[in-house]
Protein backbone atom coordinates (compact mmCIF):
# COMPACT_ATOMS: atom_id res chain seq x y z
CA MET A 1 0.00 0.00 0.00
CA GLU A 2 1.42 3.38 -1.04
CA ILE A 3 1.85 6.44 1.18
CA LEU A 4 -0.39 9.34 0.13
CA SER A 5 1.62 11.69 -2.08
CA LYS A 6 1.63 13.35 -5.50
CA LYS A 7 2.82 10.05 -6.97
CA MET A 8 -0.66 8.62 -6.47
CA TYR A 9 -2.81 11.76 -6.30
CA ASN A 10 -3.08 14.45 -8.97
CA LYS A 11 -2.58 17.51 -6.80
CA PRO A 12 -3.68 20.75 -8.50
CA GLU A 13 -1.37 23.77 -8.65
CA ARG A 14 -2.90 26.92 -7.23
CA PRO A 15 -1.43 30.29 -6.22
CA ILE A 16 -0.68 30.59 -2.51
CA LYS A 17 -3.06 33.29 -1.34
CA ILE A 18 -3.42 32.11 2.27
CA MET A 19 -0.82 31.84 5.03
CA GLN A 20 -1.80 29.67 7.97
CA PHE A 21 -0.07 29.91 11.34
CA GLY A 22 -0.54 26.48 12.85
CA GLU A 23 -0.37 22.96 11.47
CA GLY A 24 -2.34 21.21 14.19
CA ASN A 25 -5.37 18.98 13.97
CA PHE A 26 -8.02 21.67 14.31
CA LEU A 27 -6.89 23.97 11.50
CA ARG A 28 -6.38 21.02 9.16
CA ALA A 29 -9.81 19.50 9.89
CA PHE A 30 -11.67 22.82 9.94
CA VAL A 31 -10.14 25.77 8.09
CA ASP A 32 -8.28 23.75 5.45
CA TRP A 33 -11.34 21.54 5.00
CA ILE A 34 -13.42 24.68 4.36
CA ILE A 35 -10.78 26.04 1.96
CA GLN A 36 -10.93 22.70 0.12
CA ASP A 37 -14.70 23.09 -0.26
CA LEU A 38 -14.32 26.66 -1.52
CA ASN A 39 -11.73 25.54 -4.07
CA ASP A 40 -13.79 22.58 -5.22
CA ASN A 41 -16.83 24.79 -5.74
CA GLY A 42 -14.96 27.55 -7.55
CA ALA A 43 -15.49 30.18 -4.88
CA ILE A 44 -11.73 30.73 -4.56
CA ASN A 45 -8.57 29.42 -6.20
CA SER A 46 -5.96 29.21 -3.48
CA SER A 47 -3.34 27.07 -1.86
CA VAL A 48 -2.10 27.50 1.70
CA ALA A 49 1.38 28.07 3.10
CA VAL A 50 1.33 26.39 6.50
CA VAL A 51 3.70 27.94 9.06
CA GLN A 52 4.90 25.96 12.06
CA PRO A 53 4.51 28.37 15.01
CA MET A 54 6.75 26.50 17.47
CA PRO A 55 10.24 24.98 17.12
CA MET A 56 8.70 21.52 17.43
CA GLY A 57 5.91 20.70 15.02
CA ARG A 58 4.69 18.63 12.13
CA VAL A 59 5.33 20.60 8.92
CA GLY A 60 8.00 18.01 8.11
CA ASP A 61 5.42 15.24 8.35
CA LEU A 62 3.07 17.16 6.06
CA ALA A 63 5.83 17.94 3.56
CA ALA A 64 6.74 14.23 3.42
CA GLN A 65 3.27 13.63 1.92
CA ASP A 66 3.45 16.67 -0.41
CA GLY A 67 1.03 18.51 1.86
CA LEU A 68 -1.70 15.93 1.25
CA TYR A 69 -3.73 14.37 4.05
CA THR A 70 -7.16 12.97 4.78
CA VAL A 71 -9.97 14.45 6.85
CA ARG A 72 -12.17 11.73 8.28
CA LEU A 73 -15.61 12.95 9.40
CA GLU A 74 -17.84 10.73 11.48
CA GLY A 75 -21.08 11.41 13.28
CA ILE A 76 -24.81 11.86 12.96
CA ASP A 77 -26.02 13.93 10.01
CA LYS A 78 -29.77 14.48 9.67
CA GLY A 79 -30.43 11.41 11.78
CA GLU A 80 -28.12 9.17 9.77
CA LYS A 81 -24.80 7.73 10.87
CA VAL A 82 -22.12 9.06 8.53
CA LYS A 83 -18.48 8.12 7.90
CA LYS A 84 -16.67 9.87 5.08
CA SER A 85 -13.09 10.58 4.09
CA ARG A 86 -11.80 13.42 1.94
CA ILE A 87 -8.30 14.14 0.69
CA ILE A 88 -7.30 17.73 1.41
CA ASP A 89 -4.97 19.10 -1.26
CA VAL A 90 -4.83 22.80 -0.35
CA ILE A 91 -1.42 22.88 1.36
CA GLY A 92 1.02 24.30 -1.15
CA ASP A 93 4.01 24.92 1.10
CA CYS A 94 5.15 23.75 4.53
CA VAL A 95 7.20 26.44 6.25
CA ASN A 96 9.40 26.05 9.31
CA PRO A 97 10.47 29.64 10.09
CA PHE A 98 12.92 28.42 12.74
CA ALA A 99 14.81 26.44 10.10
CA ASP A 100 14.44 28.87 7.16
CA TYR A 101 13.45 32.31 8.40
CA GLU A 102 14.10 34.01 5.06
CA HIS A 103 11.78 31.63 3.24
CA PHE A 104 9.03 32.57 5.69
CA LEU A 105 9.71 36.32 5.31
CA SER A 106 9.73 36.04 1.52
CA TYR A 107 5.96 35.59 1.61
CA GLY A 108 5.77 39.22 2.69
CA GLU A 109 6.83 40.06 -0.88
CA SER A 110 4.17 37.87 -2.50
CA GLU A 111 1.76 39.53 -4.92
CA ASP A 112 -0.61 36.57 -4.45
CA LEU A 113 -0.84 36.56 -0.66
CA GLN A 114 -4.16 37.96 0.61
CA ILE A 115 -5.15 36.19 3.81
CA VAL A 116 -3.63 35.13 7.13
CA VAL A 117 -5.42 32.61 9.36
CA SER A 118 -4.17 31.33 12.70
CA ASN A 119 -4.86 29.08 15.63
CA THR A 120 -1.98 29.19 18.11
CA THR A 121 -4.05 28.30 21.25
CA GLU A 122 -5.53 30.80 23.69
CA ALA A 123 -2.02 31.71 24.85
CA GLY A 124 -0.86 32.54 21.31
CA ILE A 125 -2.16 36.10 21.05
CA ALA A 126 -0.09 37.71 23.76
CA PHE A 127 2.41 40.54 23.95
CA ASP A 128 5.92 39.30 24.72
CA PRO A 129 8.16 42.24 25.62
CA THR A 130 11.27 40.08 25.16
CA ASP A 131 10.40 39.25 21.54
CA THR A 132 12.45 42.09 20.02
CA ASP A 133 15.14 40.45 17.88
CA PHE A 134 13.71 40.25 14.37
CA SER A 135 17.06 39.31 12.84
CA LYS A 136 16.06 35.73 13.65
CA CYS A 137 12.69 34.03 13.91
CA PRO A 138 10.63 35.69 16.68
CA LYS A 139 9.39 33.44 19.46
CA SER A 140 5.76 34.54 19.57
CA PHE A 141 3.05 34.34 16.94
CA PRO A 142 2.51 38.15 17.00
CA GLY A 143 6.27 38.57 16.57
CA LYS A 144 6.32 36.34 13.49
CA LEU A 145 3.29 38.04 11.96
CA LEU A 146 4.73 41.49 12.65
CA ALA A 147 8.01 40.49 10.99
CA LEU A 148 6.10 39.29 7.94
CA LEU A 149 4.02 42.47 7.74
CA LYS A 150 7.10 44.64 8.20
CA ARG A 151 8.78 42.90 5.25
CA ARG A 152 5.60 43.42 3.23
CA TYR A 153 5.41 47.12 4.10
CA GLU A 154 9.03 47.66 3.12
CA HIS A 155 8.84 45.64 -0.09
CA PHE A 156 5.73 47.42 -1.36
CA ASN A 157 6.86 50.86 -0.12
CA GLY A 158 3.92 51.28 2.22
CA ASP A 159 1.28 50.65 -0.47
CA MET A 160 -2.06 50.79 1.38
CA THR A 161 -3.59 48.29 -1.05
CA LYS A 162 -1.14 45.55 -0.05
CA GLY A 163 -2.55 44.86 3.41
CA LEU A 164 -3.85 41.41 4.28
CA ALA A 165 -7.10 39.93 5.59
CA ILE A 166 -6.16 38.72 9.07
CA VAL A 167 -8.48 36.03 10.42
CA PRO A 168 -7.44 34.59 13.80
CA CYS A 169 -9.24 31.52 15.16
CA GLU A 170 -7.77 31.50 18.68
CA LEU A 171 -10.42 30.95 21.31
CA ILE A 172 -10.31 34.33 23.04
CA ASP A 173 -12.87 37.12 23.05
CA ASN A 174 -12.55 39.57 20.15
CA ASN A 175 -9.56 37.68 18.79
CA GLY A 176 -9.19 39.98 15.78
CA ASP A 177 -9.25 43.11 17.93
CA GLU A 178 -6.84 41.57 20.42
CA LEU A 179 -4.37 40.59 17.70
CA TYR A 180 -4.58 44.13 16.28
CA LYS A 181 -3.77 45.57 19.73
CA CYS A 182 -0.97 43.08 20.32
CA LEU A 183 0.69 43.82 16.98
CA THR A 184 0.42 47.57 17.59
CA GLN A 185 1.88 47.23 21.09
CA LEU A 186 4.78 45.12 19.85
CA ALA A 187 5.48 47.49 16.94
CA GLU A 188 5.59 50.46 19.31
CA HIS A 189 7.70 48.51 21.78
CA ILE A 190 10.41 47.72 19.24
CA GLY A 191 10.45 51.29 17.94
CA CYS A 192 8.79 50.92 14.52
CA ASP A 193 8.17 54.23 12.75
CA LYS A 194 4.74 55.84 12.82
CA ALA A 195 4.16 55.37 9.10
CA PHE A 196 4.55 51.59 9.42
CA ILE A 197 2.28 51.47 12.46
CA GLU A 198 -0.38 53.42 10.55
CA TRP A 199 -0.05 50.93 7.65
CA LEU A 200 -0.25 48.04 10.11
CA GLN A 201 -3.49 49.40 11.52
CA LYS A 202 -5.21 50.79 8.43
CA ALA A 203 -4.01 48.79 5.42
CA ASN A 204 -4.71 45.41 7.00
CA HIS A 205 -8.17 44.02 7.61
CA TYR A 206 -8.73 42.36 10.99
CA THR A 207 -11.83 40.35 11.81
CA SER A 208 -12.87 38.43 14.90
CA THR A 209 -14.15 34.89 14.62
CA LEU A 210 -15.73 31.97 16.41
CA VAL A 211 -14.92 28.38 15.41
CA ASP A 212 -16.68 25.19 16.45
CA ARG A 213 -15.88 21.60 15.53
CA ILE A 214 -14.71 18.78 17.76
CA VAL A 215 -11.46 17.42 16.31
CA PRO A 216 -9.99 14.42 18.18
CA GLY A 217 -7.05 14.22 15.79
CA TYR A 218 -5.23 11.14 14.57
CA PRO A 219 -7.53 8.06 14.76
CA ARG A 220 -4.88 5.72 16.12
CA ASN A 221 -7.33 2.99 17.12
CA GLU A 222 -9.01 2.90 13.71
CA ILE A 223 -6.15 3.64 11.37
CA ASP A 224 -5.86 0.11 9.93
CA ALA A 225 -9.54 0.09 8.92
CA ILE A 226 -9.30 3.59 7.46
CA ARG A 227 -6.26 2.61 5.41
CA GLU A 228 -8.06 -0.41 4.02
CA GLU A 229 -11.09 1.70 3.14
CA CYS A 230 -9.05 4.49 1.52
CA GLY A 231 -6.50 2.26 -0.14
CA TYR A 232 -3.41 4.19 0.92
CA ILE A 233 -1.28 4.99 3.96
CA ASP A 234 -1.75 8.45 5.44
CA ASN A 235 0.30 9.30 8.52
CA ASN A 236 -1.48 12.65 8.86
CA VAL A 237 -5.13 11.57 8.92
CA VAL A 238 -7.18 13.87 11.13
CA LYS A 239 -10.60 12.92 12.45
CA GLY A 240 -13.44 15.32 13.18
CA GLU A 241 -17.15 15.41 13.80
CA ILE A 242 -19.71 16.27 11.13
CA PHE A 243 -20.87 19.42 12.92
CA HIS A 244 -19.05 22.64 12.08
CA LEU A 245 -19.68 26.35 12.65
CA TRP A 246 -17.57 29.36 11.73
CA VAL A 247 -18.86 32.83 12.61
CA LEU A 248 -16.84 35.80 11.32
CA LYS A 249 -17.51 39.44 12.05
CA LYS A 250 -18.44 41.26 8.87
CA GLU A 251 -15.50 43.00 7.19
CA GLY A 252 -15.75 44.03 3.56
CA TYR A 253 -12.30 43.02 2.33
CA VAL A 254 -12.34 39.72 4.20
CA GLN A 255 -15.73 38.84 2.70
CA LYS A 256 -14.45 39.76 -0.77
CA VAL A 257 -11.26 37.67 -0.78
CA PHE A 258 -12.55 34.88 1.45
CA PRO A 259 -16.25 34.21 0.69
CA ALA A 260 -16.42 31.28 3.08
CA ASP A 261 -20.21 31.52 3.38
CA SER A 262 -20.82 31.03 -0.35
CA THR A 263 -20.89 27.24 -0.72
CA GLY A 264 -23.56 26.17 1.75
CA LEU A 265 -21.32 25.35 4.70
CA ASN A 266 -22.27 26.46 8.21
CA VAL A 267 -20.30 29.71 7.91
CA ILE A 268 -21.82 33.04 8.96
CA PHE A 269 -20.63 36.62 8.54
CA ALA A 270 -22.38 38.43 11.41
CA ASP A 271 -22.64 42.00 12.67
CA ASP A 272 -21.93 40.76 16.20
CA ILE A 273 -20.37 37.42 17.06
CA LYS A 274 -20.54 37.89 20.83
CA PRO A 275 -23.77 35.92 21.46
CA TYR A 276 -22.48 33.00 19.38
CA LYS A 277 -19.11 33.21 21.09
CA GLN A 278 -20.44 33.32 24.62
CA ARG A 279 -22.77 30.39 24.05
CA LYS A 280 -20.11 28.22 22.44
CA VAL A 281 -17.20 29.02 24.76
CA LYS A 282 -19.18 28.78 27.98
CA ILE A 283 -21.14 25.64 27.11
CA LEU A 284 -19.03 23.56 24.73
CA ASN A 285 -15.50 24.57 25.67
CA GLY A 286 -16.43 25.32 29.27
CA SER A 287 -17.98 21.91 29.87
CA HIS A 288 -14.97 20.27 28.17
CA THR A 289 -12.60 22.05 30.53
CA ALA A 290 -14.79 21.44 33.58
CA MET A 291 -15.11 17.71 32.96
CA VAL A 292 -11.44 16.97 32.23
CA PRO A 293 -9.87 16.94 35.72
CA VAL A 294 -12.96 15.42 37.34
CA ALA A 295 -13.36 12.59 34.83
CA TYR A 296 -9.66 11.94 34.29
CA LEU A 297 -8.94 11.59 37.99
CA CYS A 298 -11.82 9.08 38.11
CA GLY A 299 -9.90 6.91 35.66
CA ILE A 300 -11.80 8.00 32.54
CA ASP A 301 -9.86 8.85 29.37
CA THR A 302 -12.36 10.17 26.80
CA VAL A 303 -15.24 12.63 26.52
CA GLY A 304 -17.65 9.93 25.37
CA GLU A 305 -16.86 7.72 28.36
CA ALA A 306 -17.27 10.72 30.67
CA VAL A 307 -20.76 11.77 29.53
CA ASN A 308 -21.94 8.16 29.37
CA ASP A 309 -20.76 7.52 32.92
CA PRO A 310 -23.87 7.97 35.14
CA THR A 311 -22.07 10.07 37.75
CA ILE A 312 -19.80 12.14 35.53
CA GLY A 313 -22.54 12.55 32.93
CA LYS A 314 -24.88 13.97 35.58
CA PHE A 315 -22.10 16.24 36.82
CA VAL A 316 -21.58 17.66 33.31
CA ARG A 317 -25.30 18.12 32.60
CA ASP A 318 -25.99 19.79 35.93
CA PHE A 319 -23.03 22.11 35.37
CA VAL A 320 -24.26 23.15 31.91
CA PHE A 321 -27.98 23.48 32.59
CA ASN A 322 -27.88 24.84 36.15
CA GLU A 323 -24.72 26.95 36.21
CA VAL A 324 -23.79 27.98 32.67
CA ASN A 325 -27.15 28.59 31.00
CA PRO A 326 -28.33 31.18 33.57
CA THR A 327 -25.28 33.35 32.80
CA ILE A 328 -26.00 33.77 29.06
CA ASP A 329 -28.46 36.41 27.89
CA LEU A 330 -30.25 34.43 25.21
CA PRO A 331 -33.76 32.90 25.21
CA GLN A 332 -33.72 29.83 27.42
CA ASP A 333 -35.33 27.61 24.79
CA GLN A 334 -32.36 28.35 22.51
CA MET A 335 -29.95 27.69 25.35
CA VAL A 336 -31.57 24.36 26.22
CA ALA A 337 -31.57 23.29 22.56
CA PHE A 338 -27.91 24.19 22.13
CA ALA A 339 -26.90 22.52 25.38
CA ASN A 340 -28.72 19.33 24.38
CA SER A 341 -26.96 19.38 20.99
CA VAL A 342 -23.59 19.66 22.75
CA ILE A 343 -24.32 16.62 24.91
CA GLU A 344 -25.34 14.70 21.78
CA ARG A 345 -22.07 15.67 20.10
CA TYR A 346 -20.17 14.40 23.12
CA GLN A 347 -21.95 11.08 22.73
CA ASN A 348 -20.96 10.71 19.06
CA PRO A 349 -20.03 7.00 18.89
CA TYR A 350 -17.40 7.63 16.23
CA ILE A 351 -15.41 10.24 18.09
CA ARG A 352 -12.76 9.26 20.60
CA HIS A 353 -11.85 12.62 22.09
CA GLU A 354 -9.05 12.15 24.59
CA LEU A 355 -9.40 14.16 27.78
CA MET A 356 -5.66 14.72 27.85
CA SER A 357 -5.80 16.47 24.48
CA ILE A 358 -8.28 18.94 26.00
CA ALA A 359 -6.03 19.25 29.06
CA LEU A 360 -3.33 21.01 26.99
CA ASN A 361 -2.78 24.51 28.48
CA SER A 362 -5.52 23.80 31.04
CA THR A 363 -4.52 26.68 33.32
CA THR A 364 -5.15 29.25 30.60
CA LYS A 365 -8.26 27.37 29.51
CA PHE A 366 -9.77 27.70 32.99
CA ARG A 367 -9.24 31.45 32.86
CA THR A 368 -10.74 31.89 29.39
CA ARG A 369 -13.48 29.25 29.48
CA LEU A 370 -14.65 28.96 33.09
CA LEU A 371 -13.67 32.03 35.08
CA PRO A 372 -16.22 34.26 33.26
CA THR A 373 -19.00 31.83 34.20
CA LEU A 374 -17.84 31.81 37.81
CA GLU A 375 -17.88 35.60 37.97
CA ASP A 376 -21.19 35.95 36.11
CA TYR A 377 -22.96 33.29 38.17
CA VAL A 378 -21.93 34.85 41.49
CA ARG A 379 -23.00 38.28 40.22
CA ILE A 380 -26.40 37.03 39.00
CA GLU A 381 -27.25 34.39 41.61
CA GLY A 382 -25.35 35.70 44.62
CA LYS A 383 -23.92 32.27 45.42
CA LEU A 384 -21.20 29.93 44.20
CA PRO A 385 -21.66 27.61 41.19
CA LEU A 386 -20.63 24.51 43.10
CA HIS A 387 -20.01 22.22 40.12
CA LEU A 388 -17.61 24.77 38.67
CA VAL A 389 -15.89 25.19 42.03
CA PHE A 390 -15.62 21.41 42.39
CA SER A 391 -14.00 21.30 38.95
CA PHE A 392 -11.49 23.96 39.96
CA ALA A 393 -10.60 21.90 43.02
CA ALA A 394 -10.10 18.89 40.73
CA LEU A 395 -7.91 21.04 38.47
CA CYS A 396 -5.73 21.81 41.46
CA LEU A 397 -5.41 18.13 42.31
CA PHE A 398 -4.83 17.27 38.64
CA HIS A 399 -1.75 19.52 38.75
CA LYS A 400 -0.35 17.49 41.59
CA GLY A 401 0.54 15.22 38.68
CA LYS A 402 -0.67 11.81 39.80
CA ARG A 403 -3.61 9.54 38.93
CA GLY A 404 -3.13 6.69 41.35
CA ASP A 405 0.33 5.31 40.61
CA GLU A 406 0.34 6.87 37.15
CA THR A 407 2.20 10.13 36.43
CA ILE A 408 0.01 12.58 34.52
CA ALA A 409 1.68 13.96 31.37
CA LEU A 410 0.94 17.59 32.14
CA LYS A 411 1.35 19.91 29.15
CA ASP A 412 1.35 23.61 29.86
CA ASP A 413 3.65 26.58 30.03
CA PRO A 414 6.67 25.34 32.04
CA ALA A 415 6.51 28.39 34.34
CA LEU A 416 2.86 27.63 35.19
CA LEU A 417 3.59 23.97 35.86
CA GLU A 418 6.51 24.95 38.06
CA HIS A 419 4.26 27.23 40.10
CA TRP A 420 1.65 24.49 40.57
CA THR A 421 4.41 22.20 41.86
CA GLN A 422 5.77 24.92 44.11
CA MET A 423 2.34 25.53 45.69
CA TRP A 424 1.82 21.84 46.38
CA THR A 425 5.34 21.54 47.85
CA GLU A 426 4.86 24.54 50.11
CA CYS A 427 1.33 23.78 51.29
CA GLY A 428 1.28 19.97 51.52
CA THR A 429 -1.96 18.94 53.19
CA ASP A 430 -2.82 22.46 54.38
CA TYR A 431 -5.64 22.66 51.86
CA LYS A 432 -6.93 26.05 53.02
CA LYS A 433 -3.50 27.58 52.53
CA PHE A 434 -3.24 25.93 49.13
CA ALA A 435 -6.69 27.10 48.03
CA LYS A 436 -6.01 30.71 49.00
CA GLN A 437 -2.66 30.69 47.21
CA ALA A 438 -4.08 29.08 44.09
CA LEU A 439 -7.00 31.48 43.91
CA SER A 440 -4.78 34.53 44.43
CA TRP A 441 -2.48 33.58 41.51
CA LYS A 442 -2.88 36.72 39.40
CA GLU A 443 -0.31 35.63 36.81
CA ALA A 444 -2.61 32.75 35.89
CA TRP A 445 -6.09 34.22 36.41
CA GLU A 446 -5.41 37.95 35.87
CA THR A 447 -7.35 38.55 39.08
CA ASP A 448 -7.43 37.46 42.72
CA MET A 449 -10.29 34.96 42.67
CA ASN A 450 -10.56 35.11 46.46
CA ALA A 451 -12.42 38.39 45.94
CA ILE A 452 -15.18 36.77 43.90
CA HIS A 453 -16.95 35.24 46.91
CA PRO A 454 -15.94 35.05 50.60
CA ALA A 455 -16.63 31.31 50.79
CA LEU A 456 -14.71 30.34 47.65
CA ALA A 457 -11.38 29.41 49.24
CA ASP A 458 -12.94 27.34 52.02
CA THR A 459 -15.18 25.55 49.52
CA VAL A 460 -12.26 24.72 47.23
CA ALA A 461 -10.23 23.51 50.21
CA GLY A 462 -13.06 21.27 51.37
CA TYR A 463 -13.44 19.68 47.97
CA ILE A 464 -9.69 19.04 47.62
CA GLU A 465 -9.59 17.45 51.06
CA ALA A 466 -12.54 15.18 50.17
CA MET A 467 -10.86 14.16 46.91
CA GLU A 468 -7.58 13.41 48.66
CA LYS A 469 -9.03 11.47 51.59
CA LYS A 470 -11.94 9.64 49.93
CA GLY A 471 -10.62 9.31 46.40
CA MET A 472 -11.97 11.17 43.38
CA ARG A 473 -14.66 8.67 42.43
CA ALA A 474 -16.15 8.62 45.93
CA ALA A 475 -15.89 12.41 46.23
CA VAL A 476 -17.70 12.98 42.92
CA GLU A 477 -20.44 10.48 43.73
CA GLU A 478 -21.00 12.11 47.11
CA PHE A 479 -21.08 15.56 45.46
CA VAL A 480 -23.47 14.57 42.66
CA ASN A 481 -25.83 12.43 44.73
CA GLY A 482 -25.46 14.10 48.10
């Protein structure tokens, strides 16, 4: 059986009009899949230059298959079980800026380039004051993008018609606006001239977005069957659910060069994406993040197993319906319908969504996905959302790094992981001391959470103590059924 490549697949040649920061599972199964549909239906004619945003990544793996890979979608579509595979042929170049910085910068001189898309995790759009040496590849995503735009400005002599459509997909509020601010701040910090900063702000076209598709990634447990069905070897298969939603804030130039809503996909250009964003982040992403430490410490490894477990499933449902829904200002019938659809997506029999893949950068994810619900619920209801607080306590215990005799493969910013370890080392079994320290960690939460409610620290401490002394399974069962 052959490996998927141009030797066996007639890959079309298209101009590279899109640069994509990120080569991970989500962008390949969502944005590139949408670009494929737009190409196939004649809405655009574009290939993608995929940029590896970190020193370690997979552009080499993609290049080894000539940028070709398979998206495998499985789920329920209009009441029918669906399994379908599609070769994605839109990747025209695989760029590692750490290995060949000049090749990356050369795209700033491209007459074809029109669009930048990105997904560099919630932590990706952040100002790094140390990222000032542009003679080599900048560390941060904003640094790389600024270097590219600076090259473009210089090459085209400040031509205001040469700006790009900039479409971030990172899961933070107002991601387009935040990237605009971050780029401006970094440009001012490194001493760029005012004319360039004006070009950066006015010639380029920033839009905020919301993305939604569950993408478990490489289907390791099913790969042999998929290979037999497809008739080739693909080491970059990425699996996703049928459901997809992309909401982009209306911006004239973006809509012109990237008419992603023109082929019948679930893509919306909206005047205001906030209601869509709040609903999705708080319910879908929030319940993901809330369930991970609770379910994982109970010995559960996947989302499907978690929601089908009687105790954990009830925990997740009660969290969504009783604590999240009341904090969102949309008609409750819409909220209930959306929440039910999320639970159904979690129960998709074809999706094996590993909890540990959701646990990546879980400290930042708590701040962006759950902290707003905590603050809103206390403000509206005047009491603590206990399921959310229980989940935070489980997150604290999760960062102790053990599930029974098993070491948890924690993946987060090393400085954050070091601080978790330091707090556990200092506090030991003094759970009240630990809770107060963890809640007051402004570097992680951007606020002192102790101020949210006077009983928060004691409640967290009590839950951690119950988890430690009784075991997580017993503690959750007592909490859910007590």
